[in-house]
Amino acid sequence: MATADDPTTTLGLLWDGPARPRRGPRHHLTVDALVGAALEIAEQEGVDALSMRGLAARLGVGAATLYTYVPDKSALIALMVDTMIGEAPLPHTRPGDWRERVEAWARENLRAYREHPWLVRLMGAAQPVGPHAFAWTDSALRVFDGTGLTGHEALTVVEAVDGYTRGHVAKAVEADRAARWTTPDGRTWDTVQDAFLEAHAEPGRYPAIERLTGVPGTEEVFEAGLAWLLDGVAQRIRERATG
């Protein structure tokens, strides 16, 4: 029997769909409709605003009705995450060589996270693996077919790029939030912070920072870091070809 921490029920829902509805009142609902409404709440109010009771109210049913479709909120969230993953193009179907495909999926992931900042936290938590996530990983591994990398090496690259993107996107989301922030008199986050630091950071105390001639933007930092990461992968592939 599955326990509260056992993902078996959620995995079954992800891969096999809902079980036959229990006896009781019939509702014109589907799991897809539940997930779609939950995504709307996350987009409009943030994932913290998502509750089974609030979702039921939006759909015009009792909260108990939802549990005939999904076992709990964690299962609903797993469905939401897998649905979002399914909206991304499969990496191996993108045009170009392996590097162009990796760059394309990394940029697409960065864009998607910034457009859906509530997703960042959910993707960072342990989630049961759904069919869309499985298909995406399989496709990402296929990007490296013919490069000479082993399957484990290809998986290492996929995980490294994914980890790099997720790490960077957390800062990008905060930068986006700061860019929208203003004081009542129209000052921005950067102008308030810069004025404070100018008054409190003693000259000569932070010499390496003082030597900087400018602070690169979010996209510039992301592209540079991604290029350095993939340069190392390219070097490994060249070594395999000539070794």
Protein backbone atom coordinates (compact mmCIF):
# COMPACT_ATOMS: atom_id res chain seq x y z
CA MET A 1 0.00 0.00 0.00
CA ALA A 2 1.34 3.43 -0.91
CA THR A 3 2.28 5.72 1.98
CA ALA A 4 2.00 9.50 2.12
CA ASP A 5 5.59 9.82 0.92
CA ASP A 6 5.28 7.12 -1.74
CA PRO A 7 5.12 8.63 -5.26
CA THR A 8 3.48 5.53 -6.75
CA THR A 9 0.00 7.06 -6.98
CA THR A 10 1.30 10.25 -8.58
CA LEU A 11 3.46 8.31 -11.02
CA GLY A 12 0.46 6.25 -12.02
CA LEU A 13 -1.55 9.41 -12.61
CA LEU A 14 1.25 10.96 -14.69
CA TRP A 15 1.84 7.94 -16.87
CA ASP A 16 -1.51 6.13 -16.98
CA GLY A 17 -3.99 8.92 -16.40
CA PRO A 18 -6.71 8.95 -13.75
CA ALA A 19 -8.24 5.77 -12.48
CA ARG A 20 -11.89 5.05 -13.14
CA PRO A 21 -13.94 7.63 -11.19
CA ARG A 22 -15.43 6.45 -7.95
CA ARG A 23 -19.16 6.19 -7.50
CA GLY A 24 -20.86 9.47 -6.80
CA PRO A 25 -22.04 12.61 -8.61
CA ARG A 26 -20.70 12.95 -12.16
CA HIS A 27 -18.91 16.16 -13.07
CA HIS A 28 -17.88 17.42 -16.47
CA LEU A 29 -14.27 17.79 -15.40
CA THR A 30 -11.04 16.32 -16.65
CA VAL A 31 -7.56 16.16 -15.19
CA ASP A 32 -6.42 18.46 -18.01
CA ALA A 33 -9.03 21.00 -16.97
CA LEU A 34 -7.85 20.84 -13.36
CA VAL A 35 -4.24 21.33 -14.41
CA GLY A 36 -5.16 24.20 -16.74
CA ALA A 37 -7.04 26.02 -13.97
CA ALA A 38 -4.18 25.41 -11.54
CA LEU A 39 -1.72 26.87 -14.04
CA GLU A 40 -3.92 29.95 -14.39
CA ILE A 41 -3.81 30.49 -10.62
CA ALA A 42 -0.02 30.08 -10.57
CA GLU A 43 0.38 32.55 -13.44
CA GLN A 44 -1.97 35.15 -12.00
CA GLU A 45 -1.34 34.88 -8.26
CA GLY A 46 1.78 32.74 -7.77
CA VAL A 47 2.08 29.12 -6.74
CA ASP A 48 1.71 29.98 -3.05
CA ALA A 49 -1.88 31.02 -3.80
CA LEU A 50 -2.70 27.58 -5.16
CA SER A 51 -4.87 25.44 -2.90
CA MET A 52 -7.27 22.61 -3.56
CA ARG A 53 -10.10 24.64 -2.01
CA GLY A 54 -9.34 27.69 -4.15
CA LEU A 55 -9.01 25.56 -7.27
CA ALA A 56 -12.37 23.93 -6.55
CA ALA A 57 -14.00 27.32 -6.13
CA ARG A 58 -12.62 28.47 -9.48
CA LEU A 59 -14.04 25.36 -11.14
CA GLY A 60 -17.37 25.64 -9.37
CA VAL A 61 -17.21 22.31 -7.54
CA GLY A 62 -16.65 21.14 -4.00
CA ALA A 63 -13.09 20.51 -2.84
CA ALA A 64 -13.90 16.85 -2.25
CA THR A 65 -14.68 16.48 -5.95
CA LEU A 66 -11.09 17.30 -6.91
CA TYR A 67 -9.81 14.35 -4.94
CA THR A 68 -11.68 12.00 -7.25
CA TYR A 69 -9.35 13.23 -10.02
CA VAL A 70 -6.05 13.89 -8.22
CA PRO A 71 -5.03 12.42 -4.85
CA ASP A 72 -3.51 15.59 -3.38
CA LYS A 73 -1.88 18.93 -4.12
CA SER A 74 1.57 17.41 -4.62
CA ALA A 75 0.20 15.24 -7.42
CA LEU A 76 -1.43 18.28 -8.98
CA ILE A 77 1.88 20.15 -8.88
CA ALA A 78 3.67 17.19 -10.49
CA LEU A 79 1.12 17.30 -13.30
CA MET A 80 1.60 21.06 -13.68
CA VAL A 81 5.38 20.70 -13.95
CA ASP A 82 5.19 17.88 -16.49
CA THR A 83 2.67 19.84 -18.53
CA MET A 84 5.00 22.84 -18.68
CA ILE A 85 7.92 20.62 -19.70
CA GLY A 86 5.77 19.23 -22.50
CA GLU A 87 5.38 22.70 -24.00
CA ALA A 88 9.10 22.97 -24.81
CA PRO A 89 10.41 21.72 -28.17
CA LEU A 90 12.34 18.47 -27.92
CA PRO A 91 16.09 19.28 -28.04
CA HIS A 92 17.05 16.78 -30.75
CA THR A 93 14.41 18.25 -33.12
CA ARG A 94 16.03 21.68 -33.13
CA PRO A 95 18.17 22.69 -36.12
CA GLY A 96 21.96 22.78 -36.08
CA ASP A 97 24.77 20.72 -34.60
CA TRP A 98 24.95 19.53 -31.00
CA ARG A 99 26.22 22.85 -29.69
CA GLU A 100 23.59 24.93 -31.45
CA ARG A 101 20.90 22.65 -30.10
CA VAL A 102 22.21 22.88 -26.53
CA GLU A 103 22.44 26.67 -26.76
CA ALA A 104 18.88 26.82 -28.10
CA TRP A 105 17.39 24.70 -25.32
CA ALA A 106 19.33 26.57 -22.61
CA ARG A 107 18.09 29.92 -23.91
CA GLU A 108 14.56 28.58 -24.22
CA ASN A 109 14.64 27.32 -20.64
CA LEU A 110 15.93 30.66 -19.39
CA ARG A 111 13.17 32.49 -21.25
CA ALA A 112 10.48 30.12 -19.97
CA TYR A 113 11.61 30.43 -16.36
CA ARG A 114 11.64 34.21 -16.57
CA GLU A 115 8.17 34.24 -18.09
CA HIS A 116 6.89 31.79 -15.45
CA PRO A 117 8.93 32.61 -12.32
CA TRP A 118 6.70 30.45 -10.12
CA LEU A 119 8.08 27.44 -12.00
CA VAL A 120 11.65 28.02 -10.79
CA ARG A 121 10.95 26.81 -7.26
CA LEU A 122 8.90 23.82 -8.39
CA MET A 123 11.58 22.63 -10.79
CA GLY A 124 14.13 22.85 -8.00
CA ALA A 125 12.15 20.46 -5.80
CA ALA A 126 12.02 16.68 -6.13
CA GLN A 127 9.17 15.74 -8.47
CA PRO A 128 8.00 12.35 -9.73
CA VAL A 129 9.22 11.95 -13.30
CA GLY A 130 6.41 12.27 -15.80
CA PRO A 131 6.29 11.23 -19.45
CA HIS A 132 7.10 14.71 -20.78
CA ALA A 133 10.15 15.01 -18.54
CA PHE A 134 11.26 11.52 -19.58
CA ALA A 135 10.81 12.34 -23.26
CA TRP A 136 12.70 15.61 -22.89
CA THR A 137 15.68 13.93 -21.21
CA ASP A 138 15.75 11.18 -23.83
CA SER A 139 15.71 13.83 -26.55
CA ALA A 140 18.48 15.83 -24.88
CA LEU A 141 20.69 12.75 -24.74
CA ARG A 142 20.07 12.11 -28.43
CA VAL A 143 21.57 15.53 -29.20
CA PHE A 144 24.97 13.97 -28.52
CA ASP A 145 24.58 10.97 -30.82
CA GLY A 146 27.61 10.76 -33.07
CA THR A 147 29.79 13.04 -30.93
CA GLY A 148 31.79 10.22 -29.36
CA LEU A 149 30.54 10.94 -25.84
CA THR A 150 29.29 7.99 -23.84
CA GLY A 151 25.74 7.95 -22.55
CA HIS A 152 26.91 8.83 -19.04
CA GLU A 153 29.01 11.69 -20.38
CA ALA A 154 26.08 13.02 -22.39
CA LEU A 155 23.89 12.86 -19.28
CA THR A 156 26.56 14.76 -17.35
CA VAL A 157 26.49 17.53 -19.95
CA VAL A 158 22.69 17.67 -19.89
CA GLU A 159 22.65 17.91 -16.10
CA ALA A 160 25.46 20.49 -16.09
CA VAL A 161 23.68 22.75 -18.58
CA ASP A 162 20.38 22.32 -16.77
CA GLY A 163 21.99 23.09 -13.40
CA TYR A 164 23.79 26.11 -14.82
CA THR A 165 20.57 27.47 -16.32
CA ARG A 166 18.56 26.95 -13.14
CA GLY A 167 21.27 28.58 -11.04
CA HIS A 168 21.42 31.58 -13.32
CA VAL A 169 17.68 31.95 -13.70
CA ALA A 170 17.18 32.46 -9.96
CA LYS A 171 19.28 35.62 -10.24
CA ALA A 172 17.59 36.61 -13.49
CA VAL A 173 14.13 36.35 -11.90
CA GLU A 174 15.27 38.51 -8.99
CA ALA A 175 16.78 41.01 -11.43
CA ASP A 176 13.49 41.14 -13.31
CA ARG A 177 11.61 41.74 -10.07
CA ALA A 178 14.04 44.47 -9.05
CA ALA A 179 13.71 46.14 -12.45
CA ARG A 180 9.96 46.50 -11.86
CA TRP A 181 10.41 48.00 -8.38
CA THR A 182 10.22 51.75 -7.88
CA THR A 183 9.81 54.12 -4.93
CA PRO A 184 6.84 56.52 -4.79
CA ASP A 185 9.12 59.28 -6.11
CA GLY A 186 10.18 57.18 -9.12
CA ARG A 187 13.59 55.90 -8.01
CA THR A 188 14.53 52.38 -9.11
CA TRP A 189 16.06 49.55 -7.12
CA ASP A 190 19.45 50.15 -8.78
CA THR A 191 19.51 53.89 -8.08
CA VAL A 192 18.56 53.37 -4.42
CA GLN A 193 21.14 50.61 -3.96
CA ASP A 194 23.90 52.44 -5.84
CA ALA A 195 23.40 55.57 -3.75
CA PHE A 196 23.54 53.54 -0.54
CA LEU A 197 26.68 51.64 -1.53
CA GLU A 198 28.44 54.81 -2.67
CA ALA A 199 27.91 56.25 0.80
CA HIS A 200 28.83 53.10 2.74
CA ALA A 201 31.48 51.23 0.72
CA GLU A 202 34.82 52.73 1.76
CA PRO A 203 37.22 53.43 -1.15
CA GLY A 204 40.01 50.85 -1.31
CA ARG A 205 38.18 48.26 0.78
CA TYR A 206 36.90 46.31 -2.26
CA PRO A 207 39.67 46.79 -4.85
CA ALA A 208 38.63 44.01 -7.22
CA ILE A 209 35.14 45.45 -7.54
CA GLU A 210 36.52 48.96 -7.97
CA ARG A 211 38.59 47.76 -10.93
CA LEU A 212 35.45 46.74 -12.80
CA THR A 213 34.61 49.17 -15.57
CA GLY A 214 30.99 48.07 -15.80
CA VAL A 215 28.60 45.36 -14.70
CA PRO A 216 27.50 42.99 -17.49
CA GLY A 217 23.80 42.42 -17.99
CA THR A 218 21.92 39.25 -17.16
CA GLU A 219 21.91 37.90 -20.72
CA GLU A 220 25.59 38.73 -21.24
CA VAL A 221 26.61 36.81 -18.11
CA PHE A 222 24.44 33.86 -19.08
CA GLU A 223 25.83 33.66 -22.62
CA ALA A 224 29.44 33.93 -21.47
CA GLY A 225 29.08 31.23 -18.84
CA LEU A 226 27.26 28.93 -21.24
CA ALA A 227 29.97 29.42 -23.86
CA TRP A 228 32.74 28.54 -21.39
CA LEU A 229 30.86 25.43 -20.28
CA LEU A 230 30.31 24.24 -23.84
CA ASP A 231 33.89 25.05 -24.82
CA GLY A 232 34.96 22.35 -22.37
CA VAL A 233 32.46 19.88 -23.85
CA ALA A 234 33.70 20.69 -27.37
CA GLN A 235 37.28 20.06 -26.27
CA ARG A 236 36.31 16.64 -24.89
CA ILE A 237 34.56 15.77 -28.16
CA ARG A 238 37.63 16.81 -30.18
CA GLU A 239 39.84 14.66 -27.97
CA ARG A 240 37.59 11.68 -28.59
CA ALA A 241 37.75 12.25 -32.34
CA THR A 242 41.54 12.40 -32.43
CA GLY A 243 42.37 10.04 -29.57
